[in-house]
Amino acid sequence: MKKTGVFLLGLFALIYLLNPTAGLFELIPDNIPLIGNLDEAAAVTLLLMCLRYFGYELPDILNSKK
């Protein structure tokens, strides 16, 4: 049950980040100075935390040798 919740949070964060600025939903409007992009920063943080929960670290992905 916990894995499903973490997966859904990560999916929500990914959809939120892929949503264009004039998209369907926006938690904090981007035209507000200084705090307009905090919701995107929170979504990136949430997505990275969800990826870490499933064992994917960003440095590991970028430095993988084939």
N, C-alpha and C. Protein backbone atom coordinates (compact mmCIF):
# COMPACT_ATOMS: atom_id res chain seq x y z
N MET A 1 0.82 -1.20 0.00
CA MET A 1 0.00 0.00 0.00
C MET A 1 0.86 1.26 0.00
N LYS A 2 1.98 1.23 0.75
CA LYS A 2 2.86 2.39 0.81
C LYS A 2 3.52 2.64 -0.54
N LYS A 3 3.93 1.56 -1.23
CA LYS A 3 4.55 1.71 -2.54
C LYS A 3 3.59 2.33 -3.54
N THR A 4 2.33 1.98 -3.45
CA THR A 4 1.32 2.54 -4.36
C THR A 4 1.16 4.04 -4.10
N GLY A 5 1.14 4.43 -2.84
CA GLY A 5 1.02 5.84 -2.49
C GLY A 5 2.21 6.65 -2.97
N VAL A 6 3.41 6.11 -2.78
CA VAL A 6 4.62 6.81 -3.22
C VAL A 6 4.64 6.91 -4.74
N PHE A 7 4.23 5.82 -5.41
CA PHE A 7 4.17 5.85 -6.88
C PHE A 7 3.18 6.90 -7.37
N LEU A 8 2.02 6.97 -6.74
CA LEU A 8 1.02 7.96 -7.16
C LEU A 8 1.49 9.39 -6.90
N LEU A 9 2.18 9.62 -5.79
CA LEU A 9 2.75 10.95 -5.53
C LEU A 9 3.79 11.33 -6.58
N GLY A 10 4.64 10.37 -6.93
CA GLY A 10 5.63 10.62 -7.96
C GLY A 10 4.99 10.88 -9.32
N LEU A 11 3.93 10.14 -9.62
CA LEU A 11 3.22 10.34 -10.88
C LEU A 11 2.56 11.72 -10.91
N PHE A 12 1.97 12.12 -9.79
CA PHE A 12 1.37 13.45 -9.70
C PHE A 12 2.42 14.53 -9.92
N ALA A 13 3.60 14.37 -9.29
CA ALA A 13 4.66 15.36 -9.45
C ALA A 13 5.14 15.43 -10.89
N LEU A 14 5.27 14.28 -11.54
CA LEU A 14 5.70 14.27 -12.93
C LEU A 14 4.68 14.93 -13.84
N ILE A 15 3.42 14.63 -13.65
CA ILE A 15 2.36 15.26 -14.46
C ILE A 15 2.33 16.76 -14.20
N TYR A 16 2.50 17.15 -12.96
CA TYR A 16 2.50 18.58 -12.63
C TYR A 16 3.66 19.30 -13.32
N LEU A 17 4.82 18.66 -13.37
CA LEU A 17 5.97 19.29 -14.02
C LEU A 17 5.83 19.32 -15.54
N LEU A 18 5.18 18.33 -16.11
CA LEU A 18 4.98 18.31 -17.56
C LEU A 18 3.82 19.18 -18.00
N ASN A 19 3.03 19.64 -17.05
CA ASN A 19 1.89 20.51 -17.33
C ASN A 19 2.41 21.88 -17.76
N PRO A 20 2.01 22.36 -18.92
CA PRO A 20 2.47 23.69 -19.33
C PRO A 20 1.98 24.77 -18.35
N THR A 21 2.62 25.94 -18.40
CA THR A 21 2.31 27.01 -17.46
C THR A 21 0.84 27.41 -17.52
N ALA A 22 0.27 27.45 -18.68
CA ALA A 22 -1.15 27.79 -18.82
C ALA A 22 -1.98 26.52 -18.90
N GLY A 23 -1.63 25.54 -18.11
CA GLY A 23 -2.27 24.23 -18.19
C GLY A 23 -3.56 24.14 -17.40
N LEU A 24 -3.89 22.93 -17.04
CA LEU A 24 -5.16 22.65 -16.37
C LEU A 24 -5.17 23.13 -14.93
N PHE A 25 -4.06 23.00 -14.23
CA PHE A 25 -4.03 23.42 -12.82
C PHE A 25 -2.68 24.02 -12.49
N GLU A 26 -2.68 24.96 -11.60
CA GLU A 26 -1.46 25.63 -11.14
C GLU A 26 -1.69 25.99 -9.68
N LEU A 27 -0.85 25.48 -8.79
CA LEU A 27 -1.03 25.75 -7.36
C LEU A 27 -0.69 27.19 -7.01
N ILE A 28 0.45 27.67 -7.48
CA ILE A 28 0.85 29.06 -7.27
C ILE A 28 1.10 29.66 -8.65
N PRO A 29 0.40 30.72 -9.02
CA PRO A 29 0.62 31.33 -10.35
C PRO A 29 2.06 31.77 -10.52
N ASP A 30 2.63 31.52 -11.70
CA ASP A 30 4.04 31.83 -11.95
C ASP A 30 4.31 33.32 -12.06
N ASN A 31 3.30 34.14 -12.22
CA ASN A 31 3.55 35.57 -12.38
C ASN A 31 3.68 36.30 -11.04
N ILE A 32 3.59 35.60 -9.93
CA ILE A 32 3.83 36.20 -8.61
C ILE A 32 5.34 36.24 -8.38
N PRO A 33 5.91 37.42 -8.17
CA PRO A 33 7.37 37.52 -8.01
C PRO A 33 7.89 36.72 -6.82
N LEU A 34 9.02 36.10 -7.01
CA LEU A 34 9.80 35.36 -6.01
C LEU A 34 9.18 34.05 -5.56
N ILE A 35 7.88 33.94 -5.44
CA ILE A 35 7.30 32.68 -4.96
C ILE A 35 6.54 31.93 -6.05
N GLY A 36 6.55 32.46 -7.26
CA GLY A 36 5.79 31.86 -8.34
C GLY A 36 6.26 30.48 -8.76
N ASN A 37 7.52 30.18 -8.55
CA ASN A 37 8.05 28.89 -8.98
C ASN A 37 8.28 27.91 -7.82
N LEU A 38 7.80 28.25 -6.64
CA LEU A 38 7.98 27.34 -5.50
C LEU A 38 7.23 26.04 -5.67
N ASP A 39 6.08 26.06 -6.34
CA ASP A 39 5.33 24.82 -6.52
C ASP A 39 6.06 23.87 -7.45
N GLU A 40 6.74 24.40 -8.48
CA GLU A 40 7.54 23.53 -9.34
C GLU A 40 8.74 22.97 -8.60
N ALA A 41 9.37 23.78 -7.75
CA ALA A 41 10.50 23.30 -6.96
C ALA A 41 10.06 22.19 -6.00
N ALA A 42 8.89 22.35 -5.41
CA ALA A 42 8.36 21.31 -4.53
C ALA A 42 8.05 20.03 -5.31
N ALA A 43 7.54 20.17 -6.52
CA ALA A 43 7.24 19.00 -7.34
C ALA A 43 8.51 18.26 -7.74
N VAL A 44 9.58 19.00 -8.05
CA VAL A 44 10.86 18.36 -8.38
C VAL A 44 11.40 17.62 -7.16
N THR A 45 11.33 18.25 -6.00
CA THR A 45 11.78 17.60 -4.77
C THR A 45 10.98 16.34 -4.48
N LEU A 46 9.68 16.42 -4.63
CA LEU A 46 8.82 15.26 -4.40
C LEU A 46 9.14 14.13 -5.38
N LEU A 47 9.35 14.46 -6.64
CA LEU A 47 9.68 13.45 -7.64
C LEU A 47 11.02 12.79 -7.33
N LEU A 48 12.02 13.57 -6.94
CA LEU A 48 13.32 12.99 -6.59
C LEU A 48 13.23 12.11 -5.35
N MET A 49 12.42 12.50 -4.38
CA MET A 49 12.24 11.68 -3.19
C MET A 49 11.55 10.36 -3.53
N CYS A 50 10.58 10.40 -4.41
CA CYS A 50 9.89 9.17 -4.83
C CYS A 50 10.83 8.26 -5.61
N LEU A 51 11.65 8.84 -6.48
CA LEU A 51 12.63 8.03 -7.21
C LEU A 51 13.63 7.39 -6.26
N ARG A 52 14.06 8.14 -5.24
CA ARG A 52 14.99 7.60 -4.25
C ARG A 52 14.35 6.46 -3.46
N TYR A 53 13.07 6.56 -3.17
CA TYR A 53 12.37 5.50 -2.44
C TYR A 53 12.43 4.19 -3.22
N PHE A 54 12.33 4.28 -4.56
CA PHE A 54 12.36 3.08 -5.38
C PHE A 54 13.77 2.68 -5.81
N GLY A 55 14.79 3.37 -5.28
CA GLY A 55 16.17 2.97 -5.52
C GLY A 55 16.85 3.65 -6.69
N TYR A 56 16.27 4.68 -7.23
CA TYR A 56 16.88 5.41 -8.33
C TYR A 56 17.45 6.72 -7.81
N GLU A 57 18.76 6.83 -7.85
CA GLU A 57 19.43 8.05 -7.44
C GLU A 57 19.85 8.80 -8.70
N LEU A 58 19.68 10.11 -8.73
CA LEU A 58 20.02 10.89 -9.90
C LEU A 58 21.49 10.77 -10.29
N PRO A 59 22.45 10.84 -9.36
CA PRO A 59 23.86 10.65 -9.77
C PRO A 59 24.11 9.26 -10.37
N ASP A 60 23.41 8.25 -9.88
CA ASP A 60 23.58 6.91 -10.43
C ASP A 60 23.08 6.83 -11.87
N ILE A 61 22.00 7.53 -12.16
CA ILE A 61 21.46 7.51 -13.51
C ILE A 61 22.38 8.26 -14.47
N LEU A 62 22.93 9.40 -14.03
CA LEU A 62 23.76 10.22 -14.91
C LEU A 62 25.14 9.63 -15.12
N ASN A 63 25.66 8.86 -14.15
CA ASN A 63 27.01 8.32 -14.25
C ASN A 63 27.03 6.83 -14.59
N SER A 64 25.94 6.29 -15.07
CA SER A 64 25.92 4.85 -15.35
C SER A 64 26.80 4.53 -16.54
N LYS A 65 27.55 3.46 -16.39
CA LYS A 65 28.44 2.99 -17.48
C LYS A 65 27.80 1.76 -18.10
N LYS A 66 27.85 1.74 -19.40
CA LYS A 66 27.23 0.60 -20.12
C LYS A 66 28.28 -0.37 -20.58
